[in-house]
N, C-alpha and C. Protein backbone atom coordinates (compact mmCIF):
# COMPACT_ATOMS: atom_id res chain seq x y z
N MET A 1 15.08 -77.41 13.97
CA MET A 1 14.59 -76.71 15.15
C MET A 1 13.88 -75.42 14.75
N LYS A 2 14.48 -74.71 13.77
CA LYS A 2 13.90 -73.46 13.32
C LYS A 2 12.53 -73.70 12.67
N LYS A 3 12.40 -74.77 11.90
CA LYS A 3 11.13 -75.10 11.26
C LYS A 3 10.08 -75.46 12.30
N LEU A 4 10.47 -76.16 13.33
CA LEU A 4 9.55 -76.53 14.41
C LEU A 4 9.06 -75.29 15.12
N LEU A 5 9.93 -74.34 15.38
CA LEU A 5 9.56 -73.10 16.04
C LEU A 5 8.58 -72.31 15.16
N ILE A 6 8.85 -72.23 13.87
CA ILE A 6 7.94 -71.53 12.96
C ILE A 6 6.59 -72.22 12.92
N LEU A 7 6.59 -73.54 12.90
CA LEU A 7 5.35 -74.30 12.90
C LEU A 7 4.56 -74.05 14.18
N LEU A 8 5.21 -74.06 15.32
CA LEU A 8 4.53 -73.82 16.59
C LEU A 8 3.96 -72.40 16.66
N ILE A 9 4.70 -71.43 16.18
CA ILE A 9 4.21 -70.05 16.18
C ILE A 9 3.00 -69.93 15.26
N THR A 10 3.06 -70.56 14.09
CA THR A 10 1.95 -70.53 13.15
C THR A 10 0.70 -71.16 13.75
N VAL A 11 0.86 -72.30 14.39
CA VAL A 11 -0.28 -72.98 15.04
C VAL A 11 -0.84 -72.11 16.16
N PHE A 12 0.02 -71.48 16.92
CA PHE A 12 -0.42 -70.61 18.00
C PHE A 12 -1.22 -69.42 17.47
N VAL A 13 -0.72 -68.78 16.43
CA VAL A 13 -1.41 -67.62 15.84
C VAL A 13 -2.75 -68.04 15.26
N LEU A 14 -2.79 -69.17 14.57
CA LEU A 14 -4.06 -69.65 14.02
C LEU A 14 -5.05 -70.00 15.12
N SER A 15 -4.56 -70.56 16.20
CA SER A 15 -5.44 -70.90 17.33
C SER A 15 -6.05 -69.64 17.93
N LEU A 16 -5.23 -68.62 18.10
CA LEU A 16 -5.75 -67.36 18.65
C LEU A 16 -6.76 -66.70 17.74
N SER A 17 -6.50 -66.74 16.44
CA SER A 17 -7.42 -66.10 15.51
C SER A 17 -8.73 -66.86 15.40
N ALA A 18 -8.73 -68.14 15.74
CA ALA A 18 -9.95 -68.94 15.67
C ALA A 18 -10.85 -68.73 16.87
N CYS A 19 -10.30 -68.18 17.93
CA CYS A 19 -11.10 -67.92 19.13
C CYS A 19 -12.12 -66.84 18.82
N SER A 20 -13.36 -67.09 19.20
CA SER A 20 -14.39 -66.09 18.96
C SER A 20 -14.51 -65.20 20.18
N GLU A 21 -14.62 -63.91 19.92
CA GLU A 21 -14.79 -62.97 21.01
C GLU A 21 -16.25 -62.96 21.43
N GLU A 22 -16.47 -62.83 22.72
CA GLU A 22 -17.83 -62.73 23.23
C GLU A 22 -18.38 -61.36 22.87
N LYS A 23 -19.59 -61.33 22.36
CA LYS A 23 -20.20 -60.08 21.94
C LYS A 23 -20.48 -59.21 23.17
N ALA A 24 -20.03 -57.98 23.11
CA ALA A 24 -20.26 -57.05 24.20
C ALA A 24 -21.74 -56.69 24.28
N LEU A 25 -22.20 -56.46 25.50
CA LEU A 25 -23.59 -56.05 25.68
C LEU A 25 -23.79 -54.65 25.14
N ASP A 26 -24.93 -54.44 24.55
CA ASP A 26 -25.31 -53.13 24.07
C ASP A 26 -26.79 -52.92 24.39
N TYR A 27 -27.23 -51.69 24.32
CA TYR A 27 -28.63 -51.40 24.63
C TYR A 27 -29.57 -52.17 23.70
N SER A 28 -29.14 -52.41 22.48
CA SER A 28 -29.98 -53.15 21.55
C SER A 28 -30.20 -54.59 22.00
N SER A 29 -29.39 -55.07 22.94
CA SER A 29 -29.60 -56.40 23.51
C SER A 29 -30.88 -56.47 24.33
N PHE A 30 -31.45 -55.31 24.65
CA PHE A 30 -32.66 -55.23 25.48
C PHE A 30 -33.81 -54.61 24.69
N GLU A 31 -33.98 -55.07 23.48
CA GLU A 31 -34.97 -54.49 22.56
C GLU A 31 -36.37 -54.41 23.17
N ASP A 32 -36.77 -55.42 23.93
CA ASP A 32 -38.11 -55.43 24.52
C ASP A 32 -38.25 -54.41 25.65
N ASN A 33 -37.15 -53.88 26.14
CA ASN A 33 -37.18 -52.95 27.26
C ASN A 33 -36.97 -51.49 26.84
N LEU A 34 -36.69 -51.26 25.57
CA LEU A 34 -36.45 -49.91 25.10
C LEU A 34 -37.76 -49.15 24.93
N ILE A 35 -37.74 -47.91 25.40
CA ILE A 35 -38.89 -47.02 25.22
C ILE A 35 -38.38 -45.74 24.56
N TYR A 36 -39.30 -44.96 24.01
CA TYR A 36 -38.88 -43.83 23.19
C TYR A 36 -39.49 -42.49 23.58
N SER A 37 -40.08 -42.43 24.76
CA SER A 37 -40.63 -41.15 25.21
C SER A 37 -40.66 -41.09 26.73
N TYR A 38 -40.59 -39.86 27.24
CA TYR A 38 -40.71 -39.65 28.68
C TYR A 38 -42.11 -40.03 29.16
N GLU A 39 -43.09 -39.79 28.31
CA GLU A 39 -44.46 -40.16 28.67
C GLU A 39 -44.57 -41.67 28.89
N ALA A 40 -43.96 -42.44 28.01
CA ALA A 40 -43.98 -43.90 28.18
C ALA A 40 -43.28 -44.31 29.46
N ALA A 41 -42.24 -43.58 29.81
CA ALA A 41 -41.48 -43.91 31.02
C ALA A 41 -42.31 -43.73 32.29
N ALA A 42 -43.36 -42.97 32.21
CA ALA A 42 -44.19 -42.73 33.39
C ALA A 42 -45.60 -43.27 33.21
N SER A 43 -45.78 -44.25 32.36
CA SER A 43 -47.14 -44.69 32.06
C SER A 43 -47.43 -46.14 32.44
N TYR A 44 -46.55 -46.75 33.18
CA TYR A 44 -46.78 -48.15 33.56
C TYR A 44 -47.40 -48.21 34.94
N ASP A 45 -48.07 -49.31 35.22
CA ASP A 45 -48.68 -49.51 36.53
C ASP A 45 -47.72 -50.26 37.44
N ASP A 46 -48.05 -50.21 38.72
CA ASP A 46 -47.28 -50.92 39.73
C ASP A 46 -45.88 -50.34 39.86
N LYS A 47 -44.94 -51.16 40.31
CA LYS A 47 -43.57 -50.72 40.56
C LYS A 47 -42.67 -51.19 39.42
N TYR A 48 -41.83 -50.28 38.93
CA TYR A 48 -40.93 -50.62 37.82
C TYR A 48 -39.73 -49.68 37.84
N ILE A 49 -38.74 -50.00 37.02
CA ILE A 49 -37.49 -49.25 36.93
C ILE A 49 -37.41 -48.58 35.56
N VAL A 50 -36.92 -47.33 35.54
CA VAL A 50 -36.63 -46.65 34.27
C VAL A 50 -35.18 -46.16 34.34
N TYR A 51 -34.40 -46.55 33.33
CA TYR A 51 -33.02 -46.11 33.23
C TYR A 51 -32.92 -45.10 32.08
N TYR A 52 -32.50 -43.88 32.40
CA TYR A 52 -32.32 -42.82 31.42
C TYR A 52 -30.83 -42.70 31.13
N TYR A 53 -30.48 -42.72 29.85
CA TYR A 53 -29.08 -42.57 29.47
C TYR A 53 -29.00 -41.79 28.17
N SER A 54 -27.77 -41.42 27.81
CA SER A 54 -27.52 -40.77 26.53
C SER A 54 -26.25 -41.38 25.94
N GLU A 55 -26.28 -41.68 24.66
CA GLU A 55 -25.10 -42.23 23.99
C GLU A 55 -23.93 -41.27 24.06
N ASN A 56 -24.20 -39.97 24.19
CA ASN A 56 -23.14 -38.96 24.21
C ASN A 56 -22.68 -38.60 25.62
N CYS A 57 -23.17 -39.29 26.61
CA CYS A 57 -22.87 -38.99 28.01
C CYS A 57 -21.68 -39.82 28.49
N HIS A 58 -20.63 -39.14 28.90
CA HIS A 58 -19.42 -39.81 29.39
C HIS A 58 -19.73 -40.68 30.62
N HIS A 59 -20.51 -40.14 31.54
CA HIS A 59 -20.84 -40.89 32.76
C HIS A 59 -21.68 -42.13 32.45
N CYS A 60 -22.56 -42.01 31.45
CA CYS A 60 -23.35 -43.17 31.03
C CYS A 60 -22.43 -44.25 30.47
N SER A 61 -21.44 -43.85 29.71
CA SER A 61 -20.48 -44.81 29.15
C SER A 61 -19.71 -45.52 30.24
N GLU A 62 -19.40 -44.80 31.31
CA GLU A 62 -18.64 -45.38 32.42
C GLU A 62 -19.40 -46.53 33.09
N VAL A 63 -20.71 -46.43 33.18
CA VAL A 63 -21.50 -47.44 33.90
C VAL A 63 -22.25 -48.39 32.97
N LYS A 64 -22.09 -48.20 31.67
CA LYS A 64 -22.84 -48.99 30.69
C LYS A 64 -22.69 -50.49 30.91
N ASP A 65 -21.47 -50.99 30.98
CA ASP A 65 -21.27 -52.43 31.16
C ASP A 65 -21.85 -52.92 32.48
N ASP A 66 -21.69 -52.12 33.53
CA ASP A 66 -22.21 -52.51 34.85
C ASP A 66 -23.73 -52.62 34.84
N ILE A 67 -24.40 -51.60 34.31
CA ILE A 67 -25.86 -51.61 34.36
C ILE A 67 -26.44 -52.64 33.41
N LEU A 68 -25.85 -52.80 32.23
CA LEU A 68 -26.39 -53.79 31.30
C LEU A 68 -26.14 -55.21 31.79
N THR A 69 -25.01 -55.44 32.41
CA THR A 69 -24.75 -56.76 33.02
C THR A 69 -25.76 -57.02 34.13
N PHE A 70 -26.04 -56.00 34.94
CA PHE A 70 -27.04 -56.14 35.99
C PHE A 70 -28.40 -56.51 35.40
N PHE A 71 -28.81 -55.81 34.35
CA PHE A 71 -30.12 -56.07 33.74
C PHE A 71 -30.22 -57.47 33.12
N THR A 72 -29.11 -58.08 32.75
CA THR A 72 -29.19 -59.43 32.15
C THR A 72 -29.69 -60.46 33.14
N THR A 73 -29.49 -60.23 34.43
CA THR A 73 -29.89 -61.22 35.43
C THR A 73 -31.02 -60.75 36.33
N TYR A 74 -31.36 -59.48 36.28
CA TYR A 74 -32.37 -58.94 37.20
C TYR A 74 -33.77 -59.25 36.69
N ASP A 75 -34.60 -59.81 37.58
CA ASP A 75 -35.96 -60.16 37.15
C ASP A 75 -37.03 -59.86 38.21
N LYS A 76 -36.67 -59.08 39.21
CA LYS A 76 -37.65 -58.81 40.28
C LYS A 76 -38.65 -57.72 39.91
N LEU A 77 -38.22 -56.73 39.14
CA LEU A 77 -39.11 -55.66 38.70
C LEU A 77 -38.94 -55.48 37.20
N PRO A 78 -40.01 -55.09 36.52
CA PRO A 78 -39.84 -54.76 35.10
C PRO A 78 -38.95 -53.51 34.98
N PHE A 79 -38.17 -53.44 33.91
CA PHE A 79 -37.33 -52.26 33.70
C PHE A 79 -37.44 -51.80 32.26
N TYR A 80 -37.24 -50.50 32.11
CA TYR A 80 -37.32 -49.87 30.80
C TYR A 80 -36.11 -48.96 30.62
N ILE A 81 -35.68 -48.81 29.39
CA ILE A 81 -34.48 -48.04 29.08
C ILE A 81 -34.85 -46.96 28.07
N LEU A 82 -34.49 -45.70 28.38
CA LEU A 82 -34.79 -44.58 27.49
C LEU A 82 -33.51 -43.84 27.13
N GLU A 83 -33.22 -43.78 25.83
CA GLU A 83 -32.11 -42.96 25.32
C GLU A 83 -32.69 -41.57 25.13
N VAL A 84 -32.29 -40.63 25.99
CA VAL A 84 -32.99 -39.35 26.06
C VAL A 84 -32.88 -38.51 24.79
N SER A 85 -31.80 -38.65 24.05
CA SER A 85 -31.68 -37.83 22.83
C SER A 85 -32.61 -38.34 21.73
N GLN A 86 -33.15 -39.53 21.89
CA GLN A 86 -34.09 -40.07 20.92
C GLN A 86 -35.54 -39.93 21.38
N ALA A 87 -35.74 -39.36 22.56
CA ALA A 87 -37.09 -39.21 23.10
C ALA A 87 -37.90 -38.27 22.22
N THR A 88 -39.16 -38.59 22.06
CA THR A 88 -40.05 -37.81 21.20
C THR A 88 -40.73 -36.66 21.95
N ASP A 89 -40.41 -36.51 23.24
CA ASP A 89 -41.03 -35.47 24.05
C ASP A 89 -40.03 -35.00 25.11
N SER A 90 -40.50 -34.22 26.07
CA SER A 90 -39.65 -33.71 27.13
C SER A 90 -40.11 -34.27 28.47
N SER A 91 -39.16 -34.36 29.39
CA SER A 91 -39.49 -34.88 30.72
C SER A 91 -40.35 -33.88 31.48
N PHE A 92 -41.32 -34.40 32.19
CA PHE A 92 -42.15 -33.56 33.04
C PHE A 92 -41.86 -33.84 34.52
N LEU A 93 -40.88 -34.71 34.78
CA LEU A 93 -40.52 -35.04 36.15
C LEU A 93 -39.52 -34.03 36.70
N ASP A 94 -39.84 -33.40 37.81
CA ASP A 94 -38.92 -32.45 38.44
C ASP A 94 -37.63 -33.14 38.87
N GLU A 95 -37.72 -34.41 39.18
CA GLU A 95 -36.56 -35.15 39.68
C GLU A 95 -35.53 -35.44 38.58
N PHE A 96 -35.93 -35.35 37.32
CA PHE A 96 -34.99 -35.66 36.24
C PHE A 96 -34.11 -34.45 35.97
N VAL A 97 -32.80 -34.61 36.23
CA VAL A 97 -31.86 -33.50 36.04
C VAL A 97 -30.78 -33.84 35.02
N GLY A 98 -30.70 -35.07 34.57
CA GLY A 98 -29.70 -35.45 33.58
C GLY A 98 -29.42 -36.94 33.62
N THR A 99 -28.47 -37.33 32.80
CA THR A 99 -28.14 -38.76 32.68
C THR A 99 -26.77 -39.03 33.28
N PRO A 100 -26.54 -40.22 33.73
CA PRO A 100 -27.47 -41.35 33.82
C PRO A 100 -28.35 -41.21 35.07
N THR A 101 -29.55 -41.70 34.95
CA THR A 101 -30.51 -41.66 36.06
C THR A 101 -31.34 -42.93 36.04
N ILE A 102 -31.58 -43.44 37.24
CA ILE A 102 -32.54 -44.53 37.41
C ILE A 102 -33.61 -44.05 38.38
N PHE A 103 -34.85 -44.21 37.95
CA PHE A 103 -35.98 -43.96 38.84
C PHE A 103 -36.68 -45.29 39.10
N ILE A 104 -37.00 -45.51 40.35
CA ILE A 104 -37.92 -46.58 40.72
C ILE A 104 -39.28 -45.91 40.78
N MET A 105 -40.16 -46.33 39.92
CA MET A 105 -41.47 -45.69 39.79
C MET A 105 -42.55 -46.58 40.39
N ILE A 106 -43.54 -45.94 40.98
CA ILE A 106 -44.74 -46.63 41.43
C ILE A 106 -45.93 -45.84 40.91
N ASP A 107 -46.69 -46.47 40.02
CA ASP A 107 -47.88 -45.83 39.44
C ASP A 107 -47.59 -44.40 38.98
N ASP A 108 -46.64 -44.22 38.15
CA ASP A 108 -46.21 -42.97 37.48
C ASP A 108 -45.62 -41.91 38.41
N GLN A 109 -45.24 -42.29 39.62
CA GLN A 109 -44.60 -41.38 40.57
C GLN A 109 -43.21 -41.91 40.93
N VAL A 110 -42.24 -41.00 41.08
CA VAL A 110 -40.89 -41.40 41.46
C VAL A 110 -40.89 -41.81 42.93
N ASP A 111 -40.47 -43.04 43.18
CA ASP A 111 -40.36 -43.56 44.55
C ASP A 111 -38.92 -43.45 45.04
N GLU A 112 -37.96 -43.77 44.16
CA GLU A 112 -36.54 -43.67 44.48
C GLU A 112 -35.81 -43.11 43.27
N ALA A 113 -34.73 -42.37 43.52
CA ALA A 113 -33.94 -41.82 42.42
C ALA A 113 -32.46 -42.13 42.65
N TYR A 114 -31.80 -42.55 41.60
CA TYR A 114 -30.36 -42.81 41.60
C TYR A 114 -29.79 -42.00 40.44
N ILE A 115 -29.03 -40.95 40.77
CA ILE A 115 -28.60 -40.00 39.75
C ILE A 115 -27.07 -39.97 39.67
N GLY A 116 -26.56 -39.97 38.45
CA GLY A 116 -25.12 -39.92 38.22
C GLY A 116 -24.51 -41.32 38.23
N SER A 117 -23.26 -41.39 37.81
CA SER A 117 -22.62 -42.70 37.71
C SER A 117 -22.49 -43.37 39.07
N TYR A 118 -22.19 -42.60 40.11
CA TYR A 118 -22.11 -43.20 41.44
C TYR A 118 -23.49 -43.66 41.91
N GLY A 119 -24.51 -42.91 41.57
CA GLY A 119 -25.88 -43.31 41.91
C GLY A 119 -26.27 -44.61 41.24
N ILE A 120 -25.87 -44.78 39.98
CA ILE A 120 -26.18 -46.02 39.27
C ILE A 120 -25.49 -47.20 39.95
N LEU A 121 -24.25 -47.01 40.35
CA LEU A 121 -23.52 -48.09 41.05
C LEU A 121 -24.17 -48.38 42.40
N ASP A 122 -24.66 -47.34 43.08
CA ASP A 122 -25.40 -47.55 44.34
C ASP A 122 -26.67 -48.35 44.09
N PHE A 123 -27.38 -48.03 43.01
CA PHE A 123 -28.58 -48.78 42.65
C PHE A 123 -28.25 -50.26 42.45
N ILE A 124 -27.19 -50.54 41.71
CA ILE A 124 -26.80 -51.94 41.47
C ILE A 124 -26.51 -52.63 42.79
N ASP A 125 -25.81 -51.96 43.69
CA ASP A 125 -25.53 -52.53 45.02
C ASP A 125 -26.82 -52.78 45.79
N ASP A 126 -27.72 -51.80 45.76
CA ASP A 126 -28.97 -51.89 46.53
C ASP A 126 -29.89 -52.99 46.00
N TYR A 127 -29.89 -53.23 44.70
CA TYR A 127 -30.84 -54.17 44.09
C TYR A 127 -30.25 -55.49 43.67
N SER A 128 -28.96 -55.69 43.92
CA SER A 128 -28.36 -57.00 43.66
C SER A 128 -28.69 -57.93 44.80
N ASP A 129 -28.81 -59.20 44.47
CA ASP A 129 -29.14 -60.19 45.52
C ASP A 129 -28.01 -60.39 46.48
């Protein structure tokens, strides 16, 4: 009986260790959407989304999984992601006060602003189907 119990525990442990963990989403998962300057964030035509974040921002970390999960399925507007500490320039938008921020832009002008972690969650609610 003792050998059977040891065998079952061993099989159970091996089964668990064989399970592969699903890779967590990261900003690098959106390589085609990453931009590196504030100027680029305001240089597209038509209507689009820009998400400003910082790796060192606690509030950005709080909403990271939510916003990246949202972006995996969202396809109605083009979106761009800017890590502000890596930006090669400074923001010229009066509306930009910090991270996390989402701007809905139309022809280089801010049409809508979602600022702070609660704002990002409101954006997800507003733009989810």
